[in-house]
Amino acid sequence: MIGPAHASGRGAEARERGFANPDGERIESGTIDGQRTPCPEPQMATPDRPATFQVPPLHETTLRVRYQETDGQRRLHHANYLTYFEVGRTEMLRAGGITYREFEDAGTFLVVSEAHCTYRAPADYDDILTVRTRLERSGGASLRHAYEIVREGKILADGWTVVVCVDGEGRVRRLPDWLRG
C-alpha cells in the first residue's frame, strides 16, 4: 500500500497515497502537482541534456484491457498488472522529457530488481483503467515507484517496483545526476 493504512476519509486516504492534492481532490491526468500545473511537453531530453528533464510527482496513463491480456474468465491475467506498472513507469519518463529508448541509446538501462502487487478487485476485458505512477524515492543506483490501477475511481491493484541502473554489460552503475534529483 502507498501510505499509512490508518488514513481516514476518502480525501485523507488519497492524500496519504500521494494521488491527491492537499484538499483531497484527485490529481487529474496531465498534471504534475496539486496545483494542476500542466505536465511539460516532452523536450526529448537525453542524459547529456538533463536541464529539460523533470519527473512529475504523479503520472496517470489510461489503458484498455485487451482480450489477449485476459484469462479464461475474461479477467485481466495477474501477470499483466506488472506489465501495466511498466507502462506507467515508462510513460512517466516520457512525461518528464525523455523516452526510455533515448535512455537506453545513451547506454543506461533500468532493470527490475523487486516487484510487489496487491490485487484488490478484478479488471475485465475491455475495461478502461488508469495506471497512477509515483516516484517514491531515488537512491544512488535505484528508483522505487508506487502504482495504483484504478477503474472508475475504484483501486483494483496497488504495488511498487524497484529498478536498478545498469550499463550495457549489466553492471550496476549510479543513476545519472539529473535522474537522482
C-alpha atoms as a PDB file:
ATOM      1  CA  MET A   1       0.000   0.000   0.000  1.00  0.00           C
ATOM      2  CA  ILE A   2       1.200   3.510  -0.743  1.00  0.00           C
ATOM      3  CA  GLY A   3       0.878   5.264   2.573  1.00  0.00           C
ATOM      4  CA  PRO A   4      -0.463   4.514   6.030  1.00  0.00           C
ATOM      5  CA  ALA A   5      -3.438   2.195   6.331  1.00  0.00           C
ATOM      6  CA  HIS A   6      -4.876   4.343   9.133  1.00  0.00           C
ATOM      7  CA  ALA A   7      -5.765   7.328   6.938  1.00  0.00           C
ATOM      8  CA  SER A   8      -9.379   8.305   7.461  1.00  0.00           C
ATOM      9  CA  GLY A   9     -11.796   9.590   4.851  1.00  0.00           C
ATOM     10  CA  ARG A  10     -11.536   9.429   1.091  1.00  0.00           C
ATOM     11  CA  GLY A  11      -9.535  12.646   0.684  1.00  0.00           C
ATOM     12  CA  ALA A  12      -7.184  11.785   3.546  1.00  0.00           C
ATOM     13  CA  GLU A  13      -6.533   8.331   2.117  1.00  0.00           C
ATOM     14  CA  ALA A  14      -5.870   9.725  -1.362  1.00  0.00           C
ATOM     15  CA  ARG A  15      -3.559  12.372   0.138  1.00  0.00           C
ATOM     16  CA  GLU A  16      -1.646   9.762   2.121  1.00  0.00           C
ATOM     17  CA  ARG A  17      -1.282   7.675  -1.022  1.00  0.00           C
ATOM     18  CA  GLY A  18       0.201  10.677  -2.837  1.00  0.00           C
ATOM     19  CA  PHE A  19      -2.511  10.689  -5.507  1.00  0.00           C
ATOM     20  CA  ALA A  20      -4.427  13.788  -4.390  1.00  0.00           C
ATOM     21  CA  ASN A  21      -3.769  17.436  -3.683  1.00  0.00           C
ATOM     22  CA  PRO A  22      -3.839  18.826  -0.102  1.00  0.00           C
ATOM     23  CA  ASP A  23      -7.631  19.368  -0.375  1.00  0.00           C
ATOM     24  CA  GLY A  24      -8.157  15.666  -1.042  1.00  0.00           C
ATOM     25  CA  GLU A  25      -9.052  16.210  -4.700  1.00  0.00           C
ATOM     26  CA  ARG A  26      -7.792  13.552  -7.064  1.00  0.00           C
ATOM     27  CA  ILE A  27      -4.930  14.820  -9.210  1.00  0.00           C
ATOM     28  CA  GLU A  28      -6.033  14.698 -12.814  1.00  0.00           C
ATOM     29  CA  SER A  29      -4.108  13.088 -15.621  1.00  0.00           C
ATOM     30  CA  GLY A  30      -1.831  15.591 -17.295  1.00  0.00           C
ATOM     31  CA  THR A  31      -0.866  17.402 -14.109  1.00  0.00           C
ATOM     32  CA  ILE A  32       2.327  17.305 -12.128  1.00  0.00           C
ATOM     33  CA  ASP A  33       1.227  18.654  -8.767  1.00  0.00           C
ATOM     34  CA  GLY A  34      -1.767  19.529  -6.629  1.00  0.00           C
ATOM     35  CA  GLN A  35      -1.982  22.950  -8.282  1.00  0.00           C
ATOM     36  CA  ARG A  36      -2.996  21.308 -11.571  1.00  0.00           C
ATOM     37  CA  THR A  37       0.092  22.553 -13.367  1.00  0.00           C
ATOM     38  CA  PRO A  38       0.139  21.053 -16.859  1.00  0.00           C
ATOM     39  CA  CYS A  39       2.822  18.440 -17.489  1.00  0.00           C
ATOM     40  CA  PRO A  40       5.610  19.871 -19.615  1.00  0.00           C
ATOM     41  CA  GLU A  41       5.630  18.788 -23.218  1.00  0.00           C
ATOM     42  CA  PRO A  42       8.437  16.278 -23.751  1.00  0.00           C
ATOM     43  CA  GLN A  43      11.604  18.133 -24.733  1.00  0.00           C
ATOM     44  CA  MET A  44      13.392  14.999 -25.996  1.00  0.00           C
ATOM     45  CA  ALA A  45      15.984  15.321 -23.279  1.00  0.00           C
ATOM     46  CA  THR A  46      18.870  12.890 -23.191  1.00  0.00           C
ATOM     47  CA  PRO A  47      21.304  12.003 -20.429  1.00  0.00           C
ATOM     48  CA  ASP A  48      23.519  14.698 -21.969  1.00  0.00           C
ATOM     49  CA  ARG A  49      20.716  17.271 -21.812  1.00  0.00           C
ATOM     50  CA  PRO A  50      19.318  16.930 -18.281  1.00  0.00           C
ATOM     51  CA  ALA A  51      18.137  20.509 -17.818  1.00  0.00           C
ATOM     52  CA  THR A  52      14.867  19.753 -19.611  1.00  0.00           C
ATOM     53  CA  PHE A  53      14.075  16.654 -17.541  1.00  0.00           C
ATOM     54  CA  GLN A  54      11.577  16.847 -14.683  1.00  0.00           C
ATOM     55  CA  VAL A  55       9.956  13.759 -13.175  1.00  0.00           C
ATOM     56  CA  PRO A  56       6.315  14.564 -12.464  1.00  0.00           C
ATOM     57  CA  PRO A  57       5.356  13.658  -8.863  1.00  0.00           C
ATOM     58  CA  LEU A  58       2.362  11.747 -10.239  1.00  0.00           C
ATOM     59  CA  HIS A  59       1.644  10.488 -13.714  1.00  0.00           C
ATOM     60  CA  GLU A  60      -1.520   8.831 -14.999  1.00  0.00           C
ATOM     61  CA  THR A  61      -1.840   6.626 -18.066  1.00  0.00           C
ATOM     62  CA  THR A  62      -5.101   5.231 -19.429  1.00  0.00           C
ATOM     63  CA  LEU A  63      -5.232   1.697 -20.848  1.00  0.00           C
ATOM     64  CA  ARG A  64      -7.950  -0.598 -22.181  1.00  0.00           C
ATOM     65  CA  VAL A  65      -7.789  -4.271 -21.183  1.00  0.00           C
ATOM     66  CA  ARG A  66      -7.239  -6.241 -24.390  1.00  0.00           C
ATOM     67  CA  TYR A  67      -8.666  -9.729 -24.848  1.00  0.00           C
ATOM     68  CA  GLN A  68      -5.190 -11.280 -25.176  1.00  0.00           C
ATOM     69  CA  GLU A  69      -4.365  -9.988 -21.673  1.00  0.00           C
ATOM     70  CA  THR A  70      -7.173 -11.946 -20.044  1.00  0.00           C
ATOM     71  CA  ASP A  71      -7.552 -15.440 -18.630  1.00  0.00           C
ATOM     72  CA  GLY A  72     -10.307 -17.966 -19.365  1.00  0.00           C
ATOM     73  CA  GLN A  73     -12.855 -15.904 -17.434  1.00  0.00           C
ATOM     74  CA  ARG A  74     -12.115 -12.704 -19.427  1.00  0.00           C
ATOM     75  CA  ARG A  75     -10.378 -11.247 -16.356  1.00  0.00           C
ATOM     76  CA  LEU A  76      -7.080  -9.415 -16.638  1.00  0.00           C
ATOM     77  CA  HIS A  77      -4.402 -12.071 -16.005  1.00  0.00           C
ATOM     78  CA  HIS A  78      -2.468 -11.361 -12.802  1.00  0.00           C
ATOM     79  CA  ALA A  79       0.917 -11.123 -14.587  1.00  0.00           C
ATOM     80  CA  ASN A  80      -0.311  -8.248 -16.740  1.00  0.00           C
ATOM     81  CA  TYR A  81      -0.652  -5.931 -13.766  1.00  0.00           C
ATOM     82  CA  LEU A  82       3.159  -5.813 -13.655  1.00  0.00           C
ATOM     83  CA  THR A  83       3.184  -5.018 -17.379  1.00  0.00           C
ATOM     84  CA  TYR A  84       0.821  -2.134 -16.678  1.00  0.00           C
ATOM     85  CA  PHE A  85       3.215  -0.940 -13.960  1.00  0.00           C
ATOM     86  CA  GLU A  86       5.952  -0.874 -16.600  1.00  0.00           C
ATOM     87  CA  VAL A  87       3.761   1.156 -18.942  1.00  0.00           C
ATOM     88  CA  GLY A  88       3.191   3.657 -16.127  1.00  0.00           C
ATOM     89  CA  ARG A  89       6.910   3.864 -15.387  1.00  0.00           C
ATOM     90  CA  THR A  90       7.990   4.413 -18.989  1.00  0.00           C
ATOM     91  CA  GLU A  91       5.221   6.923 -19.672  1.00  0.00           C
ATOM     92  CA  MET A  92       6.266   8.841 -16.553  1.00  0.00           C
ATOM     93  CA  LEU A  93       9.773   9.133 -18.035  1.00  0.00           C
ATOM     94  CA  ARG A  94       8.280  10.351 -21.305  1.00  0.00           C
ATOM     95  CA  ALA A  95       6.185  12.963 -19.483  1.00  0.00           C
ATOM     96  CA  GLY A  96       9.394  14.134 -17.815  1.00  0.00           C
ATOM     97  CA  GLY A  97      11.041  14.738 -21.168  1.00  0.00           C
ATOM     98  CA  ILE A  98      12.922  11.570 -22.158  1.00  0.00           C
ATOM     99  CA  THR A  99      11.844   8.325 -23.747  1.00  0.00           C
ATOM    100  CA  TYR A 100      13.111   5.011 -22.442  1.00  0.00           C
ATOM    101  CA  ARG A 101      14.549   4.371 -25.898  1.00  0.00           C
ATOM    102  CA  GLU A 102      16.702   7.521 -25.606  1.00  0.00           C
ATOM    103  CA  PHE A 103      17.750   6.415 -22.140  1.00  0.00           C
ATOM    104  CA  GLU A 104      18.909   3.031 -23.492  1.00  0.00           C
ATOM    105  CA  ASP A 105      20.527   4.590 -26.576  1.00  0.00           C
ATOM    106  CA  ALA A 106      22.740   6.501 -24.136  1.00  0.00           C
ATOM    107  CA  GLY A 107      23.950   3.157 -22.683  1.00  0.00           C
ATOM    108  CA  THR A 108      21.897   3.275 -19.486  1.00  0.00           C
ATOM    109  CA  PHE A 109      19.289   0.649 -18.599  1.00  0.00           C
ATOM    110  CA  LEU A 110      16.812   0.248 -15.752  1.00  0.00           C
ATOM    111  CA  VAL A 111      16.151  -3.353 -14.720  1.00  0.00           C
ATOM    112  CA  VAL A 112      13.529  -4.502 -12.239  1.00  0.00           C
ATOM    113  CA  SER A 113      15.081  -5.937  -9.090  1.00  0.00           C
ATOM    114  CA  GLU A 114      11.922  -6.113  -6.934  1.00  0.00           C
ATOM    115  CA  ALA A 115       8.187  -6.071  -7.669  1.00  0.00           C
ATOM    116  CA  HIS A 116       5.112  -6.294  -5.479  1.00  0.00           C
ATOM    117  CA  CYS A 117       1.418  -6.199  -6.370  1.00  0.00           C
ATOM    118  CA  THR A 118      -1.630  -6.445  -4.145  1.00  0.00           C
ATOM    119  CA  TYR A 119      -4.772  -7.451  -6.030  1.00  0.00           C
ATOM    120  CA  ARG A 120      -7.930  -5.904  -4.595  1.00  0.00           C
ATOM    121  CA  ALA A 121     -10.592  -6.440  -7.285  1.00  0.00           C
ATOM    122  CA  PRO A 122     -10.578  -7.890 -10.801  1.00  0.00           C
ATOM    123  CA  ALA A 123     -10.339  -5.984 -14.074  1.00  0.00           C
ATOM    124  CA  ASP A 124     -12.231  -7.416 -17.027  1.00  0.00           C
ATOM    125  CA  TYR A 125     -11.874  -7.475 -20.779  1.00  0.00           C
ATOM    126  CA  ASP A 126     -12.477  -4.037 -22.371  1.00  0.00           C
ATOM    127  CA  ASP A 127     -12.330  -2.138 -19.048  1.00  0.00           C
ATOM    128  CA  ILE A 128     -10.755   1.304 -19.222  1.00  0.00           C
ATOM    129  CA  LEU A 129      -8.102   1.503 -16.491  1.00  0.00           C
ATOM    130  CA  THR A 130      -5.929   4.285 -15.164  1.00  0.00           C
ATOM    131  CA  VAL A 131      -2.402   3.494 -14.038  1.00  0.00           C
ATOM    132  CA  ARG A 132      -1.217   6.024 -11.463  1.00  0.00           C
ATOM    133  CA  THR A 133       2.551   6.095 -11.066  1.00  0.00           C
ATOM    134  CA  ARG A 134       4.548   7.958  -8.448  1.00  0.00           C
ATOM    135  CA  LEU A 135       8.295   8.049  -7.851  1.00  0.00           C
ATOM    136  CA  GLU A 136       8.658   7.227  -4.150  1.00  0.00           C
ATOM    137  CA  ARG A 137      12.413   7.536  -3.858  1.00  0.00           C
ATOM    138  CA  SER A 138      15.650   7.597  -5.777  1.00  0.00           C
ATOM    139  CA  GLY A 139      18.937   6.315  -4.454  1.00  0.00           C
ATOM    140  CA  GLY A 140      22.447   6.079  -5.780  1.00  0.00           C
ATOM    141  CA  ALA A 141      21.653   3.347  -8.296  1.00  0.00           C
ATOM    142  CA  SER A 142      17.929   2.630  -7.876  1.00  0.00           C
ATOM    143  CA  LEU A 143      14.435   4.067  -8.123  1.00  0.00           C
ATOM    144  CA  ARG A 144      11.299   2.924  -6.317  1.00  0.00           C
ATOM    145  CA  HIS A 145       7.948   3.588  -7.969  1.00  0.00           C
ATOM    146  CA  ALA A 146       4.478   3.148  -6.455  1.00  0.00           C
ATOM    147  CA  TYR A 147       1.413   2.313  -8.533  1.00  0.00           C
ATOM    148  CA  GLU A 148      -2.345   2.118  -8.391  1.00  0.00           C
ATOM    149  CA  ILE A 149      -4.510   0.565 -11.083  1.00  0.00           C
ATOM    150  CA  VAL A 150      -7.937   2.167 -10.972  1.00  0.00           C
ATOM    151  CA  ARG A 151     -11.290   1.702 -12.714  1.00  0.00           C
ATOM    152  CA  GLU A 152     -13.928   4.409 -12.251  1.00  0.00           C
ATOM    153  CA  GLY A 153     -12.335   5.579  -9.009  1.00  0.00           C
ATOM    154  CA  LYS A 154     -12.004   2.084  -7.504  1.00  0.00           C
ATOM    155  CA  ILE A 155      -8.494   0.801  -6.796  1.00  0.00           C
ATOM    156  CA  LEU A 156      -8.170  -2.658  -8.336  1.00  0.00           C
ATOM    157  CA  ALA A 157      -4.492  -3.194  -7.506  1.00  0.00           C
ATOM    158  CA  ASP A 158      -1.589  -1.328  -6.000  1.00  0.00           C
ATOM    159  CA  GLY A 159       2.073  -2.080  -5.666  1.00  0.00           C
ATOM    160  CA  TRP A 160       5.638  -0.990  -6.162  1.00  0.00           C
ATOM    161  CA  THR A 161       8.790  -1.791  -8.064  1.00  0.00           C
ATOM    162  CA  VAL A 162      12.474  -1.111  -7.573  1.00  0.00           C
ATOM    163  CA  VAL A 163      14.532  -0.619 -10.717  1.00  0.00           C
ATOM    164  CA  VAL A 164      18.333  -0.596 -10.717  1.00  0.00           C
ATOM    165  CA  CYS A 165      20.504   1.311 -13.141  1.00  0.00           C
ATOM    166  CA  VAL A 166      22.953  -0.848 -15.135  1.00  0.00           C
ATOM    167  CA  ASP A 167      25.252  -0.337 -18.105  1.00  0.00           C
ATOM    168  CA  GLY A 168      25.179  -2.277 -21.364  1.00  0.00           C
ATOM    169  CA  GLU A 169      27.133  -5.137 -19.758  1.00  0.00           C
ATOM    170  CA  GLY A 170      24.651  -5.445 -16.881  1.00  0.00           C
ATOM    171  CA  ARG A 171      26.966  -3.879 -14.277  1.00  0.00           C
ATOM    172  CA  VAL A 172      25.272  -1.719 -11.661  1.00  0.00           C
ATOM    173  CA  ARG A 173      26.064   1.956 -12.102  1.00  0.00           C
ATOM    174  CA  ARG A 174      24.981   5.154 -10.422  1.00  0.00           C
ATOM    175  CA  LEU A 175      21.874   6.854 -11.718  1.00  0.00           C
ATOM    176  CA  PRO A 176      22.657   9.944 -13.776  1.00  0.00           C
ATOM    177  CA  ASP A 177      22.613  13.047 -11.544  1.00  0.00           C
ATOM    178  CA  TRP A 178      19.648  14.515 -13.414  1.00  0.00           C
ATOM    179  CA  LEU A 179      17.576  11.408 -12.659  1.00  0.00           C
ATOM    180  CA  ARG A 180      18.520  11.206  -8.990  1.00  0.00           C
ATOM    181  CA  GLY A 181      17.025  14.662  -8.416  1.00  0.00           C
END
